[in-house]
């Protein structure tokens, strides 16, 4: 699977899952200049094009130990967190319910066997693609 297409696929799934939540809560993101835990400014992350987002995610995933028993969970968490921050702004990372939402999104992605397989392929592609 082409990694850009894979990111588009995951973004579309996340958009379908998150947009109803955003409409329900009435919360929308803003892009003030805060910094996430990886030193990326929210205004920078929110303005990345998809190719740069792919590289950002790939670098973070590549830094993980792929032999770690929690590797898949950590890698998918990086992917979901990064896409959510990119799509909705870094403010979402500060929301008290963010990590429950992030976990729900990862669980939803893993429930569909085809999506789970695509996600695993995407994570491997991102991990091994030269940065």
C-alpha atoms as a PDB file:
ATOM      1  CA  UNK A   1       0.000   0.000   0.000  1.00  0.00           C
ATOM      2  CA  UNK A   2       1.295   3.475  -0.875  1.00  0.00           C
ATOM      3  CA  UNK A   3       1.967   5.193   2.470  1.00  0.00           C
ATOM      4  CA  UNK A   4       0.327   8.483   1.427  1.00  0.00           C
ATOM      5  CA  UNK A   5      -2.796   6.586   0.358  1.00  0.00           C
ATOM      6  CA  UNK A   6      -2.626   4.749   3.666  1.00  0.00           C
ATOM      7  CA  UNK A   7      -2.503   8.000   5.594  1.00  0.00           C
ATOM      8  CA  UNK A   8      -5.420   9.320   3.513  1.00  0.00           C
ATOM      9  CA  UNK A   9      -7.381   6.174   4.322  1.00  0.00           C
ATOM     10  CA  UNK A  10      -6.737   6.494   8.064  1.00  0.00           C
ATOM     11  CA  UNK A  11      -7.466  10.255   7.977  1.00  0.00           C
ATOM     12  CA  UNK A  12     -10.813   9.588   6.303  1.00  0.00           C
ATOM     13  CA  UNK A  13     -11.703   6.978   8.911  1.00  0.00           C
ATOM     14  CA  UNK A  14     -10.666   9.319  11.715  1.00  0.00           C
ATOM     15  CA  UNK A  15     -12.612  12.173  10.148  1.00  0.00           C
ATOM     16  CA  UNK A  16     -15.754  10.025  10.068  1.00  0.00           C
ATOM     17  CA  UNK A  17     -15.223   8.947  13.694  1.00  0.00           C
ATOM     18  CA  UNK A  18     -14.215  12.330  15.105  1.00  0.00           C
ATOM     19  CA  UNK A  19     -16.427  14.774  13.235  1.00  0.00           C
ATOM     20  CA  UNK A  20     -19.628  13.529  14.930  1.00  0.00           C
ATOM     21  CA  UNK A  21     -17.879  13.841  18.317  1.00  0.00           C
ATOM     22  CA  UNK A  22     -16.772  17.364  17.525  1.00  0.00           C
ATOM     23  CA  UNK A  23     -20.301  18.297  16.407  1.00  0.00           C
ATOM     24  CA  UNK A  24     -21.803  16.707  19.527  1.00  0.00           C
ATOM     25  CA  UNK A  25     -19.547  18.545  21.958  1.00  0.00           C
ATOM     26  CA  UNK A  26     -19.528  21.763  19.980  1.00  0.00           C
ATOM     27  CA  UNK A  27     -15.785  22.006  20.501  1.00  0.00           C
ATOM     28  CA  UNK A  28     -13.574  23.030  17.664  1.00  0.00           C
ATOM     29  CA  UNK A  29      -9.859  23.332  17.628  1.00  0.00           C
ATOM     30  CA  UNK A  30      -7.844  26.489  17.514  1.00  0.00           C
ATOM     31  CA  UNK A  31      -4.270  26.802  16.483  1.00  0.00           C
ATOM     32  CA  UNK A  32      -2.495  28.754  19.153  1.00  0.00           C
ATOM     33  CA  UNK A  33       1.232  28.337  19.287  1.00  0.00           C
ATOM     34  CA  UNK A  34       1.615  25.588  21.887  1.00  0.00           C
ATOM     35  CA  UNK A  35       4.072  22.701  21.804  1.00  0.00           C
ATOM     36  CA  UNK A  36       3.269  19.003  21.997  1.00  0.00           C
ATOM     37  CA  UNK A  37       5.311  16.475  23.930  1.00  0.00           C
ATOM     38  CA  UNK A  38       7.629  15.996  20.949  1.00  0.00           C
ATOM     39  CA  UNK A  39       8.549  19.657  20.578  1.00  0.00           C
ATOM     40  CA  UNK A  40       6.373  20.263  17.517  1.00  0.00           C
ATOM     41  CA  UNK A  41       4.565  23.588  17.543  1.00  0.00           C
ATOM     42  CA  UNK A  42       0.808  23.199  17.039  1.00  0.00           C
ATOM     43  CA  UNK A  43       0.834  25.798  14.316  1.00  0.00           C
ATOM     44  CA  UNK A  44       3.609  23.870  12.588  1.00  0.00           C
ATOM     45  CA  UNK A  45       1.918  20.460  12.961  1.00  0.00           C
ATOM     46  CA  UNK A  46      -1.444  21.821  11.834  1.00  0.00           C
ATOM     47  CA  UNK A  47       0.150  23.341   8.718  1.00  0.00           C
ATOM     48  CA  UNK A  48       2.107  20.286   7.605  1.00  0.00           C
ATOM     49  CA  UNK A  49       1.174  18.872   4.233  1.00  0.00           C
ATOM     50  CA  UNK A  50       0.411  15.158   4.124  1.00  0.00           C
ATOM     51  CA  UNK A  51       3.897  14.227   2.967  1.00  0.00           C
ATOM     52  CA  UNK A  52       5.494  16.149   5.853  1.00  0.00           C
ATOM     53  CA  UNK A  53       2.993  14.638   8.268  1.00  0.00           C
ATOM     54  CA  UNK A  54       3.996  11.202   6.981  1.00  0.00           C
ATOM     55  CA  UNK A  55       7.670  11.992   7.625  1.00  0.00           C
ATOM     56  CA  UNK A  56       6.891  13.356  11.104  1.00  0.00           C
ATOM     57  CA  UNK A  57       4.969  10.204  12.031  1.00  0.00           C
ATOM     58  CA  UNK A  58       7.613   7.975  10.446  1.00  0.00           C
ATOM     59  CA  UNK A  59      10.399   9.573  12.484  1.00  0.00           C
ATOM     60  CA  UNK A  60       8.479   9.101  15.709  1.00  0.00           C
ATOM     61  CA  UNK A  61       7.619   5.482  14.907  1.00  0.00           C
ATOM     62  CA  UNK A  62      11.192   4.734  13.810  1.00  0.00           C
ATOM     63  CA  UNK A  63      12.409   5.860  17.232  1.00  0.00           C
ATOM     64  CA  UNK A  64      10.443   3.030  18.857  1.00  0.00           C
ATOM     65  CA  UNK A  65      11.975  -0.359  19.588  1.00  0.00           C
ATOM     66  CA  UNK A  66      10.137  -2.657  17.164  1.00  0.00           C
ATOM     67  CA  UNK A  67      10.928  -5.660  19.395  1.00  0.00           C
ATOM     68  CA  UNK A  68       9.054  -4.064  22.313  1.00  0.00           C
ATOM     69  CA  UNK A  69       5.932  -6.061  23.186  1.00  0.00           C
ATOM     70  CA  UNK A  70       3.939  -2.785  23.188  1.00  0.00           C
ATOM     71  CA  UNK A  71       5.335  -1.617  19.851  1.00  0.00           C
ATOM     72  CA  UNK A  72       2.059  -1.923  17.878  1.00  0.00           C
ATOM     73  CA  UNK A  73       0.090  -0.034  20.528  1.00  0.00           C
ATOM     74  CA  UNK A  74       2.719   2.715  20.792  1.00  0.00           C
ATOM     75  CA  UNK A  75       3.011   3.077  17.010  1.00  0.00           C
ATOM     76  CA  UNK A  76      -0.748   3.262  16.492  1.00  0.00           C
ATOM     77  CA  UNK A  77      -0.994   5.785  19.335  1.00  0.00           C
ATOM     78  CA  UNK A  78       1.618   7.975  17.613  1.00  0.00           C
ATOM     79  CA  UNK A  79      -0.281   7.724  14.339  1.00  0.00           C
ATOM     80  CA  UNK A  80      -3.679   8.575  15.831  1.00  0.00           C
ATOM     81  CA  UNK A  81      -2.348  11.369  18.075  1.00  0.00           C
ATOM     82  CA  UNK A  82      -0.436  12.950  15.206  1.00  0.00           C
ATOM     83  CA  UNK A  83      -3.344  12.795  12.773  1.00  0.00           C
ATOM     84  CA  UNK A  84      -5.793  14.174  15.326  1.00  0.00           C
ATOM     85  CA  UNK A  85      -3.453  17.040  16.228  1.00  0.00           C
ATOM     86  CA  UNK A  86      -2.828  17.715  12.537  1.00  0.00           C
ATOM     87  CA  UNK A  87      -6.523  17.660  11.666  1.00  0.00           C
ATOM     88  CA  UNK A  88      -8.007  19.413  14.710  1.00  0.00           C
ATOM     89  CA  UNK A  89      -5.070  21.410  16.083  1.00  0.00           C
ATOM     90  CA  UNK A  90      -2.840  20.743  19.035  1.00  0.00           C
ATOM     91  CA  UNK A  91      -5.518  21.968  21.450  1.00  0.00           C
ATOM     92  CA  UNK A  92      -7.124  18.560  21.213  1.00  0.00           C
ATOM     93  CA  UNK A  93      -4.096  17.083  23.001  1.00  0.00           C
ATOM     94  CA  UNK A  94      -4.898  19.258  26.025  1.00  0.00           C
ATOM     95  CA  UNK A  95      -8.518  18.130  26.278  1.00  0.00           C
ATOM     96  CA  UNK A  96      -9.043  16.019  29.418  1.00  0.00           C
ATOM     97  CA  UNK A  97     -10.944  13.423  27.378  1.00  0.00           C
ATOM     98  CA  UNK A  98      -8.406  13.245  24.555  1.00  0.00           C
ATOM     99  CA  UNK A  99      -6.716  10.016  25.571  1.00  0.00           C
ATOM    100  CA  UNK A 100     -10.061   8.263  25.993  1.00  0.00           C
ATOM    101  CA  UNK A 101     -11.017   9.487  22.523  1.00  0.00           C
ATOM    102  CA  UNK A 102      -7.644   8.409  21.113  1.00  0.00           C
ATOM    103  CA  UNK A 103      -8.080   4.957  22.650  1.00  0.00           C
ATOM    104  CA  UNK A 104     -11.634   4.716  21.275  1.00  0.00           C
ATOM    105  CA  UNK A 105     -10.375   5.624  17.793  1.00  0.00           C
ATOM    106  CA  UNK A 106      -7.608   3.001  17.962  1.00  0.00           C
ATOM    107  CA  UNK A 107     -10.125   0.414  19.175  1.00  0.00           C
ATOM    108  CA  UNK A 108     -12.526   1.307  16.364  1.00  0.00           C
ATOM    109  CA  UNK A 109      -9.734   0.982  13.807  1.00  0.00           C
ATOM    110  CA  UNK A 110      -8.800  -2.446  15.125  1.00  0.00           C
ATOM    111  CA  UNK A 111     -12.376  -3.805  15.072  1.00  0.00           C
ATOM    112  CA  UNK A 112     -12.507  -3.989  11.276  1.00  0.00           C
ATOM    113  CA  UNK A 113     -10.086  -6.674  10.093  1.00  0.00           C
ATOM    114  CA  UNK A 114      -9.360  -4.954   6.766  1.00  0.00           C
ATOM    115  CA  UNK A 115      -8.738  -1.591   8.434  1.00  0.00           C
ATOM    116  CA  UNK A 116      -6.558  -3.228  11.080  1.00  0.00           C
ATOM    117  CA  UNK A 117      -4.507  -4.937   8.361  1.00  0.00           C
ATOM    118  CA  UNK A 118      -4.189  -1.646   6.449  1.00  0.00           C
ATOM    119  CA  UNK A 119      -3.144   0.109   9.660  1.00  0.00           C
ATOM    120  CA  UNK A 120      -0.461  -2.498  10.382  1.00  0.00           C
ATOM    121  CA  UNK A 121       0.863  -2.211   6.810  1.00  0.00           C
ATOM    122  CA  UNK A 122       0.869   1.568   7.042  1.00  0.00           C
ATOM    123  CA  UNK A 123       2.748   1.542  10.350  1.00  0.00           C
ATOM    124  CA  UNK A 124       5.379  -0.808   8.897  1.00  0.00           C
ATOM    125  CA  UNK A 125       5.713   1.359   5.785  1.00  0.00           C
ATOM    126  CA  UNK A 126       6.075   4.503   7.892  1.00  0.00           C
ATOM    127  CA  UNK A 127       8.659   2.789  10.109  1.00  0.00           C
ATOM    128  CA  UNK A 128      10.823   1.633   7.213  1.00  0.00           C
ATOM    129  CA  UNK A 129      10.451   4.548   4.789  1.00  0.00           C
ATOM    130  CA  UNK A 130      13.592   6.680   4.642  1.00  0.00           C
ATOM    131  CA  UNK A 131      13.094  10.021   6.332  1.00  0.00           C
END
